[in-house]
Amino acid sequence: MKRSVSFAAVAAVVVSCLSYAGAGLAYPSEWRSWQHVKSMVIPDKAHGLYGFHHVYVHPKALAAYQKGKGYQEGATLVVPFYEVAEGGGAVSQGALLKVAVMKRDKTATETGGWRYGAFDPAGKALELDAKVGCHTCHEAKKDREFVFSEWAP
């Protein structure tokens, strides 16, 4: 029996695959040696971005990060999310929860020229809808090429 596949069905599969966190991204295992530029804490476990965050910028992206624009193809930012640990009057990072990655890729036209991804503590890609789960919020920073955090001199 011959089966035909519609263009719409193929397109849906392609879009779904492109939304997968690992699409076009590899886990940047060397991110800990990059420039640390910022830390912040969102202690509310009900918040979608809960955790103790650090922002690391690849050397290729550092000058653009400092200016707030001009990210070259391949420029990469990494944000590890850690548990929020409180004790002894201090707030610090606990166990690693995930690592978020943002990489400049002009072919990612649906997400403003960026690939977004997330990886578990072992470096395995997590599934997410990059447009809805990442870029929708990043659109608020279109004037800064979709990058939220800023260089603090």
C-alpha atoms as a PDB file:
ATOM      1  CA  MET A   1       0.000   0.000   0.000  1.00  0.00           C
ATOM      2  CA  LYS A   2       1.437   3.344  -1.025  1.00  0.00           C
ATOM      3  CA  ARG A   3       1.251   6.159   1.534  1.00  0.00           C
ATOM      4  CA  SER A   4       1.673   9.807   0.835  1.00  0.00           C
ATOM      5  CA  VAL A   5       3.032  12.315   3.293  1.00  0.00           C
ATOM      6  CA  SER A   6       1.766  15.871   3.141  1.00  0.00           C
ATOM      7  CA  PHE A   7       4.066  18.861   3.047  1.00  0.00           C
ATOM      8  CA  ALA A   8       2.315  20.164   6.178  1.00  0.00           C
ATOM      9  CA  ALA A   9       3.188  16.991   8.090  1.00  0.00           C
ATOM     10  CA  VAL A  10       6.838  17.184   7.056  1.00  0.00           C
ATOM     11  CA  ALA A  11       6.955  20.902   7.940  1.00  0.00           C
ATOM     12  CA  ALA A  12       5.492  20.176  11.388  1.00  0.00           C
ATOM     13  CA  VAL A  13       8.198  17.616  12.082  1.00  0.00           C
ATOM     14  CA  VAL A  14      10.948  19.991  10.917  1.00  0.00           C
ATOM     15  CA  VAL A  15       9.631  22.846  13.082  1.00  0.00           C
ATOM     16  CA  SER A  16       9.354  20.487  16.048  1.00  0.00           C
ATOM     17  CA  CYS A  17      12.957  19.358  15.584  1.00  0.00           C
ATOM     18  CA  LEU A  18      14.192  22.924  15.273  1.00  0.00           C
ATOM     19  CA  SER A  19      12.508  23.752  18.557  1.00  0.00           C
ATOM     20  CA  TYR A  20      14.378  20.956  20.330  1.00  0.00           C
ATOM     21  CA  ALA A  21      16.985  22.378  22.706  1.00  0.00           C
ATOM     22  CA  GLY A  22      19.871  20.576  21.027  1.00  0.00           C
ATOM     23  CA  ALA A  23      19.037  21.776  17.502  1.00  0.00           C
ATOM     24  CA  GLY A  24      22.157  23.485  16.247  1.00  0.00           C
ATOM     25  CA  LEU A  25      23.775  23.502  19.670  1.00  0.00           C
ATOM     26  CA  ALA A  26      26.391  21.365  21.290  1.00  0.00           C
ATOM     27  CA  TYR A  27      27.015  21.461  25.017  1.00  0.00           C
ATOM     28  CA  PRO A  28      29.889  23.953  25.491  1.00  0.00           C
ATOM     29  CA  SER A  29      31.837  21.966  28.088  1.00  0.00           C
ATOM     30  CA  GLU A  30      34.492  24.685  28.434  1.00  0.00           C
ATOM     31  CA  TRP A  31      32.053  27.380  29.613  1.00  0.00           C
ATOM     32  CA  ARG A  32      33.526  27.510  33.137  1.00  0.00           C
ATOM     33  CA  SER A  33      36.730  29.021  31.696  1.00  0.00           C
ATOM     34  CA  TRP A  34      34.843  31.854  29.977  1.00  0.00           C
ATOM     35  CA  GLN A  35      34.424  35.357  31.440  1.00  0.00           C
ATOM     36  CA  HIS A  36      31.985  35.423  34.363  1.00  0.00           C
ATOM     37  CA  VAL A  37      29.998  38.657  34.006  1.00  0.00           C
ATOM     38  CA  LYS A  38      27.051  38.481  36.373  1.00  0.00           C
ATOM     39  CA  SER A  39      25.267  36.502  39.082  1.00  0.00           C
ATOM     40  CA  MET A  40      21.720  36.703  40.331  1.00  0.00           C
ATOM     41  CA  VAL A  41      19.291  34.723  42.460  1.00  0.00           C
ATOM     42  CA  ILE A  42      15.610  34.012  41.918  1.00  0.00           C
ATOM     43  CA  PRO A  43      14.681  32.281  45.198  1.00  0.00           C
ATOM     44  CA  ASP A  44      10.994  31.651  44.390  1.00  0.00           C
ATOM     45  CA  LYS A  45      10.653  27.964  43.438  1.00  0.00           C
ATOM     46  CA  ALA A  46       7.372  28.734  41.657  1.00  0.00           C
ATOM     47  CA  HIS A  47       9.149  31.132  39.271  1.00  0.00           C
ATOM     48  CA  GLY A  48      10.032  29.680  35.855  1.00  0.00           C
ATOM     49  CA  LEU A  49      13.629  30.852  36.215  1.00  0.00           C
ATOM     50  CA  TYR A  50      14.138  29.718  39.810  1.00  0.00           C
ATOM     51  CA  GLY A  51      17.738  29.334  40.861  1.00  0.00           C
ATOM     52  CA  PHE A  52      21.116  30.833  41.517  1.00  0.00           C
ATOM     53  CA  HIS A  53      22.380  31.996  38.096  1.00  0.00           C
ATOM     54  CA  HIS A  54      25.771  32.951  36.761  1.00  0.00           C
ATOM     55  CA  VAL A  55      26.319  34.398  33.281  1.00  0.00           C
ATOM     56  CA  TYR A  56      29.421  33.327  31.355  1.00  0.00           C
ATOM     57  CA  VAL A  57      30.391  34.918  28.044  1.00  0.00           C
ATOM     58  CA  HIS A  58      32.610  33.286  25.428  1.00  0.00           C
ATOM     59  CA  PRO A  59      35.656  35.434  24.561  1.00  0.00           C
ATOM     60  CA  LYS A  60      34.251  35.916  21.034  1.00  0.00           C
ATOM     61  CA  ALA A  61      31.196  37.603  22.580  1.00  0.00           C
ATOM     62  CA  LEU A  62      32.789  39.665  25.347  1.00  0.00           C
ATOM     63  CA  ALA A  63      33.288  42.979  23.487  1.00  0.00           C
ATOM     64  CA  ALA A  64      29.698  42.885  22.189  1.00  0.00           C
ATOM     65  CA  TYR A  65      28.411  42.002  25.659  1.00  0.00           C
ATOM     66  CA  GLN A  66      30.240  44.998  27.124  1.00  0.00           C
ATOM     67  CA  LYS A  67      28.718  47.302  24.452  1.00  0.00           C
ATOM     68  CA  GLY A  68      25.289  45.653  24.508  1.00  0.00           C
ATOM     69  CA  LYS A  69      25.329  45.009  20.753  1.00  0.00           C
ATOM     70  CA  GLY A  70      27.345  43.702  17.826  1.00  0.00           C
ATOM     71  CA  TYR A  71      27.284  39.962  18.545  1.00  0.00           C
ATOM     72  CA  GLN A  72      29.194  38.032  15.878  1.00  0.00           C
ATOM     73  CA  GLU A  73      28.105  34.729  14.385  1.00  0.00           C
ATOM     74  CA  GLY A  74      28.897  32.011  16.927  1.00  0.00           C
ATOM     75  CA  ALA A  75      28.968  34.361  19.944  1.00  0.00           C
ATOM     76  CA  THR A  76      27.789  32.315  22.927  1.00  0.00           C
ATOM     77  CA  LEU A  77      26.446  33.031  26.411  1.00  0.00           C
ATOM     78  CA  VAL A  78      25.915  30.353  29.047  1.00  0.00           C
ATOM     79  CA  VAL A  79      23.807  30.549  32.212  1.00  0.00           C
ATOM     80  CA  PRO A  80      24.052  27.663  34.662  1.00  0.00           C
ATOM     81  CA  PHE A  81      21.106  27.377  37.066  1.00  0.00           C
ATOM     82  CA  TYR A  82      21.854  26.050  40.549  1.00  0.00           C
ATOM     83  CA  GLU A  83      19.644  25.230  43.522  1.00  0.00           C
ATOM     84  CA  VAL A  84      19.354  28.128  45.965  1.00  0.00           C
ATOM     85  CA  ALA A  85      21.052  27.085  49.199  1.00  0.00           C
ATOM     86  CA  GLU A  86      20.342  29.083  52.330  1.00  0.00           C
ATOM     87  CA  GLY A  87      21.972  28.593  55.673  1.00  0.00           C
ATOM     88  CA  GLY A  88      24.102  30.309  58.272  1.00  0.00           C
ATOM     89  CA  GLY A  89      22.785  33.711  57.184  1.00  0.00           C
ATOM     90  CA  ALA A  90      24.038  33.228  53.613  1.00  0.00           C
ATOM     91  CA  VAL A  91      22.500  32.492  50.226  1.00  0.00           C
ATOM     92  CA  SER A  92      24.709  30.479  47.883  1.00  0.00           C
ATOM     93  CA  GLN A  93      24.557  28.057  45.003  1.00  0.00           C
ATOM     94  CA  GLY A  94      23.631  24.450  45.601  1.00  0.00           C
ATOM     95  CA  ALA A  95      23.501  21.590  43.116  1.00  0.00           C
ATOM     96  CA  LEU A  96      23.552  22.305  39.381  1.00  0.00           C
ATOM     97  CA  LEU A  97      20.035  22.083  37.896  1.00  0.00           C
ATOM     98  CA  LYS A  98      20.625  22.891  34.220  1.00  0.00           C
ATOM     99  CA  VAL A  99      22.757  24.926  31.845  1.00  0.00           C
ATOM    100  CA  ALA A 100      21.090  27.350  29.441  1.00  0.00           C
ATOM    101  CA  VAL A 101      22.884  28.349  26.225  1.00  0.00           C
ATOM    102  CA  MET A 102      22.308  31.200  23.798  1.00  0.00           C
ATOM    103  CA  LYS A 103      24.346  31.133  20.568  1.00  0.00           C
ATOM    104  CA  ARG A 104      24.300  33.663  17.720  1.00  0.00           C
ATOM    105  CA  ASP A 105      23.193  32.005  14.485  1.00  0.00           C
ATOM    106  CA  LYS A 106      21.842  34.181  11.684  1.00  0.00           C
ATOM    107  CA  THR A 107      19.934  31.206  10.235  1.00  0.00           C
ATOM    108  CA  ALA A 108      17.717  31.108  13.360  1.00  0.00           C
ATOM    109  CA  THR A 109      15.365  33.731  11.929  1.00  0.00           C
ATOM    110  CA  GLU A 110      12.362  32.687  14.053  1.00  0.00           C
ATOM    111  CA  THR A 111      14.313  33.528  17.207  1.00  0.00           C
ATOM    112  CA  GLY A 112      16.045  36.758  16.252  1.00  0.00           C
ATOM    113  CA  GLY A 113      19.253  35.142  15.053  1.00  0.00           C
ATOM    114  CA  TRP A 114      19.891  33.141  18.227  1.00  0.00           C
ATOM    115  CA  ARG A 115      19.788  29.433  19.033  1.00  0.00           C
ATOM    116  CA  TYR A 116      18.586  28.671  22.550  1.00  0.00           C
ATOM    117  CA  GLY A 117      19.110  25.435  24.391  1.00  0.00           C
ATOM    118  CA  ALA A 118      19.224  23.838  27.795  1.00  0.00           C
ATOM    119  CA  PHE A 119      21.223  20.901  29.076  1.00  0.00           C
ATOM    120  CA  ASP A 120      20.996  18.775  32.199  1.00  0.00           C
ATOM    121  CA  PRO A 121      23.949  18.601  34.634  1.00  0.00           C
ATOM    122  CA  ALA A 122      25.476  15.751  32.596  1.00  0.00           C
ATOM    123  CA  GLY A 123      25.368  17.826  29.392  1.00  0.00           C
ATOM    124  CA  LYS A 124      22.390  16.039  27.806  1.00  0.00           C
ATOM    125  CA  ALA A 125      20.081  18.298  25.769  1.00  0.00           C
ATOM    126  CA  LEU A 126      16.680  19.002  27.335  1.00  0.00           C
ATOM    127  CA  GLU A 127      13.573  19.369  25.220  1.00  0.00           C
ATOM    128  CA  LEU A 128      12.084  22.830  25.013  1.00  0.00           C
ATOM    129  CA  ASP A 129      10.289  25.067  22.590  1.00  0.00           C
ATOM    130  CA  ALA A 130      12.969  27.699  21.989  1.00  0.00           C
ATOM    131  CA  LYS A 131      10.572  30.235  20.522  1.00  0.00           C
ATOM    132  CA  VAL A 132       7.970  30.014  23.284  1.00  0.00           C
ATOM    133  CA  GLY A 133      10.191  28.991  26.187  1.00  0.00           C
ATOM    134  CA  CYS A 134      13.059  31.401  25.508  1.00  0.00           C
ATOM    135  CA  HIS A 135      12.717  33.904  22.708  1.00  0.00           C
ATOM    136  CA  THR A 136       9.263  35.194  23.649  1.00  0.00           C
ATOM    137  CA  CYS A 137      10.766  36.722  26.813  1.00  0.00           C
ATOM    138  CA  HIS A 138      14.010  37.772  25.132  1.00  0.00           C
ATOM    139  CA  GLU A 139      12.018  39.844  22.606  1.00  0.00           C
ATOM    140  CA  ALA A 140      11.687  42.474  25.346  1.00  0.00           C
ATOM    141  CA  LYS A 141      15.426  43.134  24.876  1.00  0.00           C
ATOM    142  CA  LYS A 142      15.401  43.498  21.093  1.00  0.00           C
ATOM    143  CA  ASP A 143      17.283  46.798  21.474  1.00  0.00           C
ATOM    144  CA  ARG A 144      20.139  44.826  23.121  1.00  0.00           C
ATOM    145  CA  GLU A 145      20.061  42.071  20.496  1.00  0.00           C
ATOM    146  CA  PHE A 146      17.823  39.955  22.756  1.00  0.00           C
ATOM    147  CA  VAL A 147      20.356  39.665  25.612  1.00  0.00           C
ATOM    148  CA  PHE A 148      18.929  40.344  29.091  1.00  0.00           C
ATOM    149  CA  SER A 149      21.974  40.703  31.286  1.00  0.00           C
ATOM    150  CA  GLU A 150      24.213  43.738  31.006  1.00  0.00           C
ATOM    151  CA  TRP A 151      27.860  44.464  31.662  1.00  0.00           C
ATOM    152  CA  ALA A 152      28.318  46.051  35.073  1.00  0.00           C
ATOM    153  CA  PRO A 153      31.543  48.095  35.075  1.00  0.00           C
END
